Amino acid sequence: MKAWLVWLLLVVLTLLTWWAGCAGYSGQWLVAALLISVFVKGHFVIADFMGLRGVAMRWRLLVHGWLVLVIGLIFLAYWIGV
């Protein structure tokens, strides 16, 4: 994917997150949506800006696994705190 298009997607997702916070939205559905957007942004950073789109599958799985682990721990901390 072209870098400027990925950058635009990252900016739009970040602005939507900012807007949701400023609008005062809250709740479990919002947390789930934000964590999904974090995964999407992380995927595109890994694939396009870190240059892992064309490398061996094991490297992509390793880095994506790290991303899923971090997002999972954030979700777990939120779930414990609720």
C-alpha atoms as a PDB file:
ATOM      1  CA  MET A   1       0.000   0.000   0.000  1.00  0.00           C
ATOM      2  CA  LYS A   2       1.242   3.493  -0.687  1.00  0.00           C
ATOM      3  CA  ALA A   3       2.854   5.208   2.289  1.00  0.00           C
ATOM      4  CA  TRP A   4       0.754   8.377   2.024  1.00  0.00           C
ATOM      5  CA  LEU A   5      -2.468   6.329   2.055  1.00  0.00           C
ATOM      6  CA  VAL A   6      -1.328   4.397   5.125  1.00  0.00           C
ATOM      7  CA  TRP A   7      -0.336   7.666   6.783  1.00  0.00           C
ATOM      8  CA  LEU A   8      -3.778   9.119   6.014  1.00  0.00           C
ATOM      9  CA  LEU A   9      -5.485   6.067   7.527  1.00  0.00           C
ATOM     10  CA  LEU A  10      -3.351   6.368  10.671  1.00  0.00           C
ATOM     11  CA  VAL A  11      -4.207  10.052  10.998  1.00  0.00           C
ATOM     12  CA  VAL A  12      -7.942   9.435  10.501  1.00  0.00           C
ATOM     13  CA  LEU A  13      -8.018   6.654  13.104  1.00  0.00           C
ATOM     14  CA  THR A  14      -6.061   8.820  15.545  1.00  0.00           C
ATOM     15  CA  LEU A  15      -8.411  11.769  15.016  1.00  0.00           C
ATOM     16  CA  LEU A  16     -11.442   9.527  15.548  1.00  0.00           C
ATOM     17  CA  THR A  17      -9.932   8.380  18.836  1.00  0.00           C
ATOM     18  CA  TRP A  18      -9.283  11.974  19.870  1.00  0.00           C
ATOM     19  CA  TRP A  19     -12.809  12.998  18.862  1.00  0.00           C
ATOM     20  CA  ALA A  20     -14.377  10.169  20.889  1.00  0.00           C
ATOM     21  CA  GLY A  21     -12.439  11.294  23.952  1.00  0.00           C
ATOM     22  CA  CYS A  22     -13.335  14.951  23.527  1.00  0.00           C
ATOM     23  CA  ALA A  23     -16.999  14.091  22.960  1.00  0.00           C
ATOM     24  CA  GLY A  24     -17.053  12.260  26.274  1.00  0.00           C
ATOM     25  CA  TYR A  25     -17.957   8.851  24.901  1.00  0.00           C
ATOM     26  CA  SER A  26     -17.217   5.902  27.127  1.00  0.00           C
ATOM     27  CA  GLY A  27     -18.150   2.296  27.618  1.00  0.00           C
ATOM     28  CA  GLN A  28     -17.038  -1.155  26.728  1.00  0.00           C
ATOM     29  CA  TRP A  29     -18.022  -0.833  23.065  1.00  0.00           C
ATOM     30  CA  LEU A  30     -15.760   2.194  22.729  1.00  0.00           C
ATOM     31  CA  VAL A  31     -12.846   0.416  24.393  1.00  0.00           C
ATOM     32  CA  ALA A  32     -13.303  -2.525  22.023  1.00  0.00           C
ATOM     33  CA  ALA A  33     -13.454  -0.201  18.998  1.00  0.00           C
ATOM     34  CA  LEU A  34     -10.350   1.679  20.130  1.00  0.00           C
ATOM     35  CA  LEU A  35      -8.384  -1.522  20.675  1.00  0.00           C
ATOM     36  CA  ILE A  36      -9.395  -2.712  17.220  1.00  0.00           C
ATOM     37  CA  SER A  37      -8.233   0.599  15.758  1.00  0.00           C
ATOM     38  CA  VAL A  38      -4.948   0.206  17.667  1.00  0.00           C
ATOM     39  CA  PHE A  39      -4.493  -3.226  16.091  1.00  0.00           C
ATOM     40  CA  VAL A  40      -5.245  -1.866  12.613  1.00  0.00           C
ATOM     41  CA  LYS A  41      -2.806   1.007  13.090  1.00  0.00           C
ATOM     42  CA  GLY A  42      -0.182  -1.346  14.496  1.00  0.00           C
ATOM     43  CA  HIS A  43      -0.602  -3.713  11.579  1.00  0.00           C
ATOM     44  CA  PHE A  44      -0.008  -0.980   9.018  1.00  0.00           C
ATOM     45  CA  VAL A  45       2.976   0.402  10.901  1.00  0.00           C
ATOM     46  CA  ILE A  46       4.465  -3.096  11.063  1.00  0.00           C
ATOM     47  CA  ALA A  47       3.725  -3.941   7.454  1.00  0.00           C
ATOM     48  CA  ASP A  48       4.494  -0.671   5.708  1.00  0.00           C
ATOM     49  CA  PHE A  49       6.670   1.560   7.846  1.00  0.00           C
ATOM     50  CA  MET A  50       8.764  -1.218   9.393  1.00  0.00           C
ATOM     51  CA  GLY A  51       8.963  -2.885   5.990  1.00  0.00           C
ATOM     52  CA  LEU A  52       7.795  -6.329   7.077  1.00  0.00           C
ATOM     53  CA  ARG A  53       5.163  -6.769   4.367  1.00  0.00           C
ATOM     54  CA  GLY A  54       7.420  -8.840   2.120  1.00  0.00           C
ATOM     55  CA  VAL A  55       9.530 -10.753   4.642  1.00  0.00           C
ATOM     56  CA  ALA A  56       9.217 -14.314   5.894  1.00  0.00           C
ATOM     57  CA  MET A  57       5.965 -15.166   7.655  1.00  0.00           C
ATOM     58  CA  ARG A  58       7.721 -16.035  10.940  1.00  0.00           C
ATOM     59  CA  TRP A  59       8.969 -12.450  11.353  1.00  0.00           C
ATOM     60  CA  ARG A  60       5.562 -10.968  10.672  1.00  0.00           C
ATOM     61  CA  LEU A  61       3.944 -13.413  13.083  1.00  0.00           C
ATOM     62  CA  LEU A  62       6.515 -12.592  15.745  1.00  0.00           C
ATOM     63  CA  VAL A  63       5.907  -8.849  15.570  1.00  0.00           C
ATOM     64  CA  HIS A  64       2.137  -9.202  15.181  1.00  0.00           C
ATOM     65  CA  GLY A  65       2.145 -11.596  18.128  1.00  0.00           C
ATOM     66  CA  TRP A  66       3.850  -8.950  20.210  1.00  0.00           C
ATOM     67  CA  LEU A  67       1.166  -6.468  19.134  1.00  0.00           C
ATOM     68  CA  VAL A  68      -1.640  -8.870  20.061  1.00  0.00           C
ATOM     69  CA  LEU A  69       0.024  -9.543  23.424  1.00  0.00           C
ATOM     70  CA  VAL A  70       0.252  -5.836  24.263  1.00  0.00           C
ATOM     71  CA  ILE A  71      -3.337  -5.163  23.193  1.00  0.00           C
ATOM     72  CA  GLY A  72      -4.488  -8.220  25.123  1.00  0.00           C
ATOM     73  CA  LEU A  73      -2.744  -7.021  28.277  1.00  0.00           C
ATOM     74  CA  ILE A  74      -4.333  -3.596  27.903  1.00  0.00           C
ATOM     75  CA  PHE A  75      -7.741  -5.252  27.513  1.00  0.00           C
ATOM     76  CA  LEU A  76      -7.078  -7.459  30.534  1.00  0.00           C
ATOM     77  CA  ALA A  77      -6.133  -4.460  32.662  1.00  0.00           C
ATOM     78  CA  TYR A  78      -9.315  -2.678  31.558  1.00  0.00           C
ATOM     79  CA  TRP A  79     -11.459  -5.753  32.245  1.00  0.00           C
ATOM     80  CA  ILE A  80      -9.967  -6.227  35.725  1.00  0.00           C
ATOM     81  CA  GLY A  81     -10.574  -2.573  36.509  1.00  0.00           C
ATOM     82  CA  VAL A  82     -14.231  -2.639  35.513  1.00  0.00           C
END
